[in-house]
Each structure stands twice: as C-alpha cells, then as structure tokens.
C-alpha cells in the first residue's frame, strides 16, 4: 500500500510529539518526500481541474498543523514573506519552484521600514521538499514553463497568524492576508 495522507498525518503527529523543533521538521520533510511519490494521492490533491490557489487537505485541531495543496496554472512569483510564528515545509509535486532565502538587514521587526538581502536560493523539483523554520523569510518563483503544484505543511493555520510580505524595492514590510480557496 502506498504511503498516503493518513499515514503522513499520523507520522507528523508522532514526530511533533517527540520533537517539535528543527529536528522534527527535518523528519517531516523526509516523510513529505515519501508522500510525493504517491501518484494516486497527488492526482486527488492536485487534479487536472484544480483551481489556482491553495486549499486545506487536513487541519489538526490538537497540534495545530495544517496540510495544504497549492496549484498555479501559470507562472507566479510570491515576493519575500514570512510565516510569522509558524514553520512551513514545501513539497514539490508538479513543475518547479525557485526558493529564495532572505535576511532582514535593518535590524527591525514587524511592519514599516525593512531592508532585505537575498542570501541563498535553491530549486525544488518534483519529489523534493524544503523546510522554512519559524522566522525565515523566503520568496517563491513558481514554474515559468507551465503549471506548478506543491503540498505544504504549516505548523499553524496561517489564516490566523500575523505575518509579513516584504517589498525589497520600497524597503518596507506590510501585513499579509491569506487566500484559501474552496474545492479542487
């Protein structure tokens, strides 16, 4: 039997109970890569008629983590942003995502003046996953060659946390709102 969403959720619960820190998130990343090998799961999570945006596949009421499916039918760039007090693990299913890692260089926090410098970038390809810890600022440049789909796990529901998007040229941070879509 293929490793599916139920097994993935079970493993996240077990892992977070044993280690809710960076070590646990590394284990969840490897489980994400295992989940991404399940073609039946991916066909249900990201069907051919999938709407652009993201939708919840699972939300754990006890531990707070959320599993989401993201789909974009064409190129899309998400500027540098953080996940507030949450971590996130992105698992590439379709296309690719160029992930940029950014450092805030002005010493500030929160909204207002914010200067950033990109410190790293790497590409996620189908079957690969990347961890973004609490406080990490990253950008996502999604497949310019066609559709892009990925599975993401967040430590908390981002619809309910304060987080920021960063405008590198204007040198400022602004509060960010989520946009979860309904249905496939």
C-alpha atoms as a PDB file:
ATOM      1  CA  UNK A   1       0.000   0.000   0.000  1.00  0.00           C
ATOM      2  CA  UNK A   2       1.329   3.428  -0.951  1.00  0.00           C
ATOM      3  CA  UNK A   3       2.222   5.989   1.703  1.00  0.00           C
ATOM      4  CA  UNK A   4      -0.771   8.361   1.742  1.00  0.00           C
ATOM      5  CA  UNK A   5      -2.227  11.379   3.508  1.00  0.00           C
ATOM      6  CA  UNK A   6      -3.476   9.362   6.519  1.00  0.00           C
ATOM      7  CA  UNK A   7      -0.029   7.876   7.125  1.00  0.00           C
ATOM      8  CA  UNK A   8       1.625  11.265   6.591  1.00  0.00           C
ATOM      9  CA  UNK A   9      -0.680  12.936   9.149  1.00  0.00           C
ATOM     10  CA  UNK A  10      -0.083  10.113  11.630  1.00  0.00           C
ATOM     11  CA  UNK A  11       3.693  10.494  11.201  1.00  0.00           C
ATOM     12  CA  UNK A  12       3.516  14.279  11.661  1.00  0.00           C
ATOM     13  CA  UNK A  13       1.563  13.833  14.917  1.00  0.00           C
ATOM     14  CA  UNK A  14       4.032  11.248  16.236  1.00  0.00           C
ATOM     15  CA  UNK A  15       7.051  13.287  15.174  1.00  0.00           C
ATOM     16  CA  UNK A  16       5.839  16.569  16.679  1.00  0.00           C
ATOM     17  CA  UNK A  17       5.059  14.834  19.994  1.00  0.00           C
ATOM     18  CA  UNK A  18       8.636  13.516  20.118  1.00  0.00           C
ATOM     19  CA  UNK A  19      10.399  16.615  18.707  1.00  0.00           C
ATOM     20  CA  UNK A  20       8.534  19.820  17.835  1.00  0.00           C
ATOM     21  CA  UNK A  21      11.790  21.606  16.953  1.00  0.00           C
ATOM     22  CA  UNK A  22      14.024  21.720  13.871  1.00  0.00           C
ATOM     23  CA  UNK A  23      14.925  18.027  14.173  1.00  0.00           C
ATOM     24  CA  UNK A  24      11.279  17.014  13.978  1.00  0.00           C
ATOM     25  CA  UNK A  25      10.716  19.253  10.969  1.00  0.00           C
ATOM     26  CA  UNK A  26      13.600  17.537   9.160  1.00  0.00           C
ATOM     27  CA  UNK A  27      11.886  14.192   9.754  1.00  0.00           C
ATOM     28  CA  UNK A  28       8.580  15.600   8.438  1.00  0.00           C
ATOM     29  CA  UNK A  29      10.437  16.824   5.326  1.00  0.00           C
ATOM     30  CA  UNK A  30      11.611  13.265   4.586  1.00  0.00           C
ATOM     31  CA  UNK A  31       8.057  11.962   5.106  1.00  0.00           C
ATOM     32  CA  UNK A  32       6.809  14.676   2.719  1.00  0.00           C
ATOM     33  CA  UNK A  33       9.204  13.386   0.067  1.00  0.00           C
ATOM     34  CA  UNK A  34       7.797   9.894   0.618  1.00  0.00           C
ATOM     35  CA  UNK A  35       4.217  11.220   0.238  1.00  0.00           C
ATOM     36  CA  UNK A  36       5.189  12.952  -3.030  1.00  0.00           C
ATOM     37  CA  UNK A  37       5.930   9.509  -4.549  1.00  0.00           C
ATOM     38  CA  UNK A  38       2.246   8.532  -4.228  1.00  0.00           C
ATOM     39  CA  UNK A  39       0.732   9.274  -7.655  1.00  0.00           C
ATOM     40  CA  UNK A  40      -2.829   8.442  -6.518  1.00  0.00           C
ATOM     41  CA  UNK A  41      -2.598  10.939  -3.655  1.00  0.00           C
ATOM     42  CA  UNK A  42      -1.210  13.634  -5.966  1.00  0.00           C
ATOM     43  CA  UNK A  43      -3.975  13.027  -8.524  1.00  0.00           C
ATOM     44  CA  UNK A  44      -6.596  13.627  -5.794  1.00  0.00           C
ATOM     45  CA  UNK A  45      -4.806  16.559  -4.132  1.00  0.00           C
ATOM     46  CA  UNK A  46      -3.944  18.295  -7.429  1.00  0.00           C
ATOM     47  CA  UNK A  47      -6.483  17.045 -10.017  1.00  0.00           C
ATOM     48  CA  UNK A  48      -6.434  18.247 -13.649  1.00  0.00           C
ATOM     49  CA  UNK A  49      -9.358  20.630 -12.936  1.00  0.00           C
ATOM     50  CA  UNK A  50      -7.679  22.087  -9.836  1.00  0.00           C
ATOM     51  CA  UNK A  51      -8.370  25.795  -9.224  1.00  0.00           C
ATOM     52  CA  UNK A  52      -5.481  28.220  -8.759  1.00  0.00           C
ATOM     53  CA  UNK A  53      -4.699  28.904  -5.122  1.00  0.00           C
ATOM     54  CA  UNK A  54      -4.467  26.679  -2.082  1.00  0.00           C
ATOM     55  CA  UNK A  55      -6.864  24.556  -0.092  1.00  0.00           C
ATOM     56  CA  UNK A  56      -6.704  22.626   3.141  1.00  0.00           C
ATOM     57  CA  UNK A  57      -6.354  18.863   2.937  1.00  0.00           C
ATOM     58  CA  UNK A  58      -6.105  18.381   6.705  1.00  0.00           C
ATOM     59  CA  UNK A  59      -6.036  20.508   9.865  1.00  0.00           C
ATOM     60  CA  UNK A  60      -5.046  19.023  13.202  1.00  0.00           C
ATOM     61  CA  UNK A  61      -7.162  20.551  15.964  1.00  0.00           C
ATOM     62  CA  UNK A  62      -4.874  19.285  18.766  1.00  0.00           C
ATOM     63  CA  UNK A  63      -1.392  20.116  17.481  1.00  0.00           C
ATOM     64  CA  UNK A  64      -2.407  22.921  15.090  1.00  0.00           C
ATOM     65  CA  UNK A  65      -0.557  21.851  11.923  1.00  0.00           C
ATOM     66  CA  UNK A  66      -2.206  22.142   8.507  1.00  0.00           C
ATOM     67  CA  UNK A  67      -1.598  20.213   5.261  1.00  0.00           C
ATOM     68  CA  UNK A  68      -2.431  22.170   2.101  1.00  0.00           C
ATOM     69  CA  UNK A  69      -2.389  21.626  -1.665  1.00  0.00           C
ATOM     70  CA  UNK A  70      -1.253  24.567  -3.815  1.00  0.00           C
ATOM     71  CA  UNK A  71      -1.766  24.904  -7.556  1.00  0.00           C
ATOM     72  CA  UNK A  72      -0.879  27.627 -10.061  1.00  0.00           C
ATOM     73  CA  UNK A  73      -1.731  27.140 -13.740  1.00  0.00           C
ATOM     74  CA  UNK A  74       0.886  29.666 -14.855  1.00  0.00           C
ATOM     75  CA  UNK A  75       3.965  31.442 -13.600  1.00  0.00           C
ATOM     76  CA  UNK A  76       3.540  33.239 -10.285  1.00  0.00           C
ATOM     77  CA  UNK A  77       6.040  34.988  -8.052  1.00  0.00           C
ATOM     78  CA  UNK A  78       5.471  35.398  -4.317  1.00  0.00           C
ATOM     79  CA  UNK A  79       7.724  38.151  -3.004  1.00  0.00           C
ATOM     80  CA  UNK A  80       9.711  37.658   0.193  1.00  0.00           C
ATOM     81  CA  UNK A  81       7.418  36.797   3.093  1.00  0.00           C
ATOM     82  CA  UNK A  82       7.476  35.035   6.432  1.00  0.00           C
ATOM     83  CA  UNK A  83       5.073  32.687   8.181  1.00  0.00           C
ATOM     84  CA  UNK A  84       5.015  34.610  11.442  1.00  0.00           C
ATOM     85  CA  UNK A  85       5.294  32.234  14.414  1.00  0.00           C
ATOM     86  CA  UNK A  86       4.901  29.169  12.188  1.00  0.00           C
ATOM     87  CA  UNK A  87       7.249  26.935  10.218  1.00  0.00           C
ATOM     88  CA  UNK A  88       6.463  25.532   6.754  1.00  0.00           C
ATOM     89  CA  UNK A  89       7.562  22.579   4.660  1.00  0.00           C
ATOM     90  CA  UNK A  90       7.041  22.807   0.897  1.00  0.00           C
ATOM     91  CA  UNK A  91       6.937  19.587  -1.155  1.00  0.00           C
ATOM     92  CA  UNK A  92       7.074  19.990  -4.932  1.00  0.00           C
ATOM     93  CA  UNK A  93       4.621  17.814  -6.886  1.00  0.00           C
ATOM     94  CA  UNK A  94       4.324  19.436 -10.354  1.00  0.00           C
ATOM     95  CA  UNK A  95       6.719  21.786 -12.147  1.00  0.00           C
ATOM     96  CA  UNK A  96       9.352  23.557 -10.071  1.00  0.00           C
ATOM     97  CA  UNK A  97       9.703  26.347  -7.531  1.00  0.00           C
ATOM     98  CA  UNK A  98      12.769  28.553  -7.122  1.00  0.00           C
ATOM     99  CA  UNK A  99      13.010  29.291  -3.407  1.00  0.00           C
ATOM    100  CA  UNK A 100      14.849  32.407  -2.268  1.00  0.00           C
ATOM    101  CA  UNK A 101      16.096  32.813   1.307  1.00  0.00           C
ATOM    102  CA  UNK A 102      16.273  36.389   2.606  1.00  0.00           C
ATOM    103  CA  UNK A 103      17.809  38.106   5.613  1.00  0.00           C
ATOM    104  CA  UNK A 104      16.448  41.273   7.153  1.00  0.00           C
ATOM    105  CA  UNK A 105      19.447  43.620   7.385  1.00  0.00           C
ATOM    106  CA  UNK A 106      17.917  46.684   9.045  1.00  0.00           C
ATOM    107  CA  UNK A 107      17.640  45.107  12.497  1.00  0.00           C
ATOM    108  CA  UNK A 108      13.915  45.792  12.619  1.00  0.00           C
ATOM    109  CA  UNK A 109      10.876  43.611  13.132  1.00  0.00           C
ATOM    110  CA  UNK A 110       7.246  43.960  12.112  1.00  0.00           C
ATOM    111  CA  UNK A 111       5.673  46.453   9.724  1.00  0.00           C
ATOM    112  CA  UNK A 112       7.345  49.534   8.326  1.00  0.00           C
ATOM    113  CA  UNK A 113      10.869  50.101   7.093  1.00  0.00           C
ATOM    114  CA  UNK A 114      12.546  46.812   6.197  1.00  0.00           C
ATOM    115  CA  UNK A 115      15.729  46.156   4.243  1.00  0.00           C
ATOM    116  CA  UNK A 116      16.403  42.661   2.918  1.00  0.00           C
ATOM    117  CA  UNK A 117      19.270  40.865   1.242  1.00  0.00           C
ATOM    118  CA  UNK A 118      18.919  37.518  -0.537  1.00  0.00           C
ATOM    119  CA  UNK A 119      21.348  35.036   0.997  1.00  0.00           C
ATOM    120  CA  UNK A 120      20.518  31.818  -0.848  1.00  0.00           C
ATOM    121  CA  UNK A 121      18.336  30.220  -3.497  1.00  0.00           C
ATOM    122  CA  UNK A 122      17.538  26.658  -4.468  1.00  0.00           C
ATOM    123  CA  UNK A 123      15.101  24.891  -6.769  1.00  0.00           C
ATOM    124  CA  UNK A 124      12.511  22.371  -5.645  1.00  0.00           C
ATOM    125  CA  UNK A 125      11.680  19.798  -8.310  1.00  0.00           C
ATOM    126  CA  UNK A 126       9.027  17.041  -8.177  1.00  0.00           C
ATOM    127  CA  UNK A 127       9.583  14.759  -5.216  1.00  0.00           C
ATOM    128  CA  UNK A 128      11.765  17.213  -3.257  1.00  0.00           C
ATOM    129  CA  UNK A 129      10.834  19.195  -0.142  1.00  0.00           C
ATOM    130  CA  UNK A 130      12.309  22.155   1.726  1.00  0.00           C
ATOM    131  CA  UNK A 131      11.941  23.363   5.327  1.00  0.00           C
ATOM    132  CA  UNK A 132      11.399  27.016   6.285  1.00  0.00           C
ATOM    133  CA  UNK A 133      11.700  27.466  10.016  1.00  0.00           C
ATOM    134  CA  UNK A 134       9.972  29.971  12.289  1.00  0.00           C
ATOM    135  CA  UNK A 135      11.066  33.483  11.327  1.00  0.00           C
ATOM    136  CA  UNK A 136      12.572  32.521   7.960  1.00  0.00           C
ATOM    137  CA  UNK A 137      11.869  34.954   5.136  1.00  0.00           C
ATOM    138  CA  UNK A 138      11.587  33.394   1.690  1.00  0.00           C
ATOM    139  CA  UNK A 139      10.288  34.060  -1.806  1.00  0.00           C
ATOM    140  CA  UNK A 140       8.774  31.554  -4.234  1.00  0.00           C
ATOM    141  CA  UNK A 141       9.156  31.881  -8.003  1.00  0.00           C
ATOM    142  CA  UNK A 142       6.842  29.258  -9.477  1.00  0.00           C
ATOM    143  CA  UNK A 143       7.362  27.434 -12.768  1.00  0.00           C
ATOM    144  CA  UNK A 144       7.578  29.874 -15.680  1.00  0.00           C
ATOM    145  CA  UNK A 145       7.244  26.937 -18.107  1.00  0.00           C
ATOM    146  CA  UNK A 146       3.781  25.701 -17.089  1.00  0.00           C
ATOM    147  CA  UNK A 147       1.688  24.634 -14.113  1.00  0.00           C
ATOM    148  CA  UNK A 148       3.096  24.323 -10.627  1.00  0.00           C
ATOM    149  CA  UNK A 149       1.715  22.278  -7.751  1.00  0.00           C
ATOM    150  CA  UNK A 150       3.009  21.507  -4.310  1.00  0.00           C
ATOM    151  CA  UNK A 151       1.950  20.223  -0.911  1.00  0.00           C
ATOM    152  CA  UNK A 152       2.727  22.407   2.096  1.00  0.00           C
ATOM    153  CA  UNK A 153       2.589  21.702   5.819  1.00  0.00           C
ATOM    154  CA  UNK A 154       2.496  24.626   8.228  1.00  0.00           C
ATOM    155  CA  UNK A 155       2.886  24.402  11.981  1.00  0.00           C
ATOM    156  CA  UNK A 156      -0.203  26.584  12.399  1.00  0.00           C
ATOM    157  CA  UNK A 157      -3.110  27.813  10.302  1.00  0.00           C
ATOM    158  CA  UNK A 158      -1.623  30.853   8.550  1.00  0.00           C
ATOM    159  CA  UNK A 159      -5.100  32.314   8.092  1.00  0.00           C
ATOM    160  CA  UNK A 160      -4.911  33.218  11.774  1.00  0.00           C
ATOM    161  CA  UNK A 161      -1.359  34.462  12.380  1.00  0.00           C
ATOM    162  CA  UNK A 162       0.350  37.805  11.890  1.00  0.00           C
ATOM    163  CA  UNK A 163       2.903  37.591   9.106  1.00  0.00           C
ATOM    164  CA  UNK A 164       4.579  39.926   6.633  1.00  0.00           C
ATOM    165  CA  UNK A 165       5.296  40.416   2.954  1.00  0.00           C
ATOM    166  CA  UNK A 166       8.416  42.405   2.129  1.00  0.00           C
ATOM    167  CA  UNK A 167       8.793  44.903  -0.704  1.00  0.00           C
ATOM    168  CA  UNK A 168      12.513  44.830  -1.459  1.00  0.00           C
ATOM    169  CA  UNK A 169      12.498  47.907  -3.729  1.00  0.00           C
ATOM    170  CA  UNK A 170      10.320  50.077  -1.466  1.00  0.00           C
ATOM    171  CA  UNK A 171      12.210  48.737   1.592  1.00  0.00           C
ATOM    172  CA  UNK A 172       9.159  48.016   3.687  1.00  0.00           C
ATOM    173  CA  UNK A 173       7.218  45.240   5.380  1.00  0.00           C
ATOM    174  CA  UNK A 174       3.415  45.060   5.188  1.00  0.00           C
ATOM    175  CA  UNK A 175       0.910  42.781   6.916  1.00  0.00           C
ATOM    176  CA  UNK A 176      -0.236  39.865   4.798  1.00  0.00           C
ATOM    177  CA  UNK A 177      -3.625  38.149   4.386  1.00  0.00           C
ATOM    178  CA  UNK A 178      -4.230  34.535   3.389  1.00  0.00           C
ATOM    179  CA  UNK A 179      -6.366  33.390   0.462  1.00  0.00           C
ATOM    180  CA  UNK A 180      -7.516  29.787   0.932  1.00  0.00           C
ATOM    181  CA  UNK A 181      -9.788  28.594  -1.870  1.00  0.00           C
ATOM    182  CA  UNK A 182     -12.597  26.052  -1.623  1.00  0.00           C
ATOM    183  CA  UNK A 183     -12.815  22.830  -3.597  1.00  0.00           C
ATOM    184  CA  UNK A 184     -10.386  21.241  -6.072  1.00  0.00           C
END
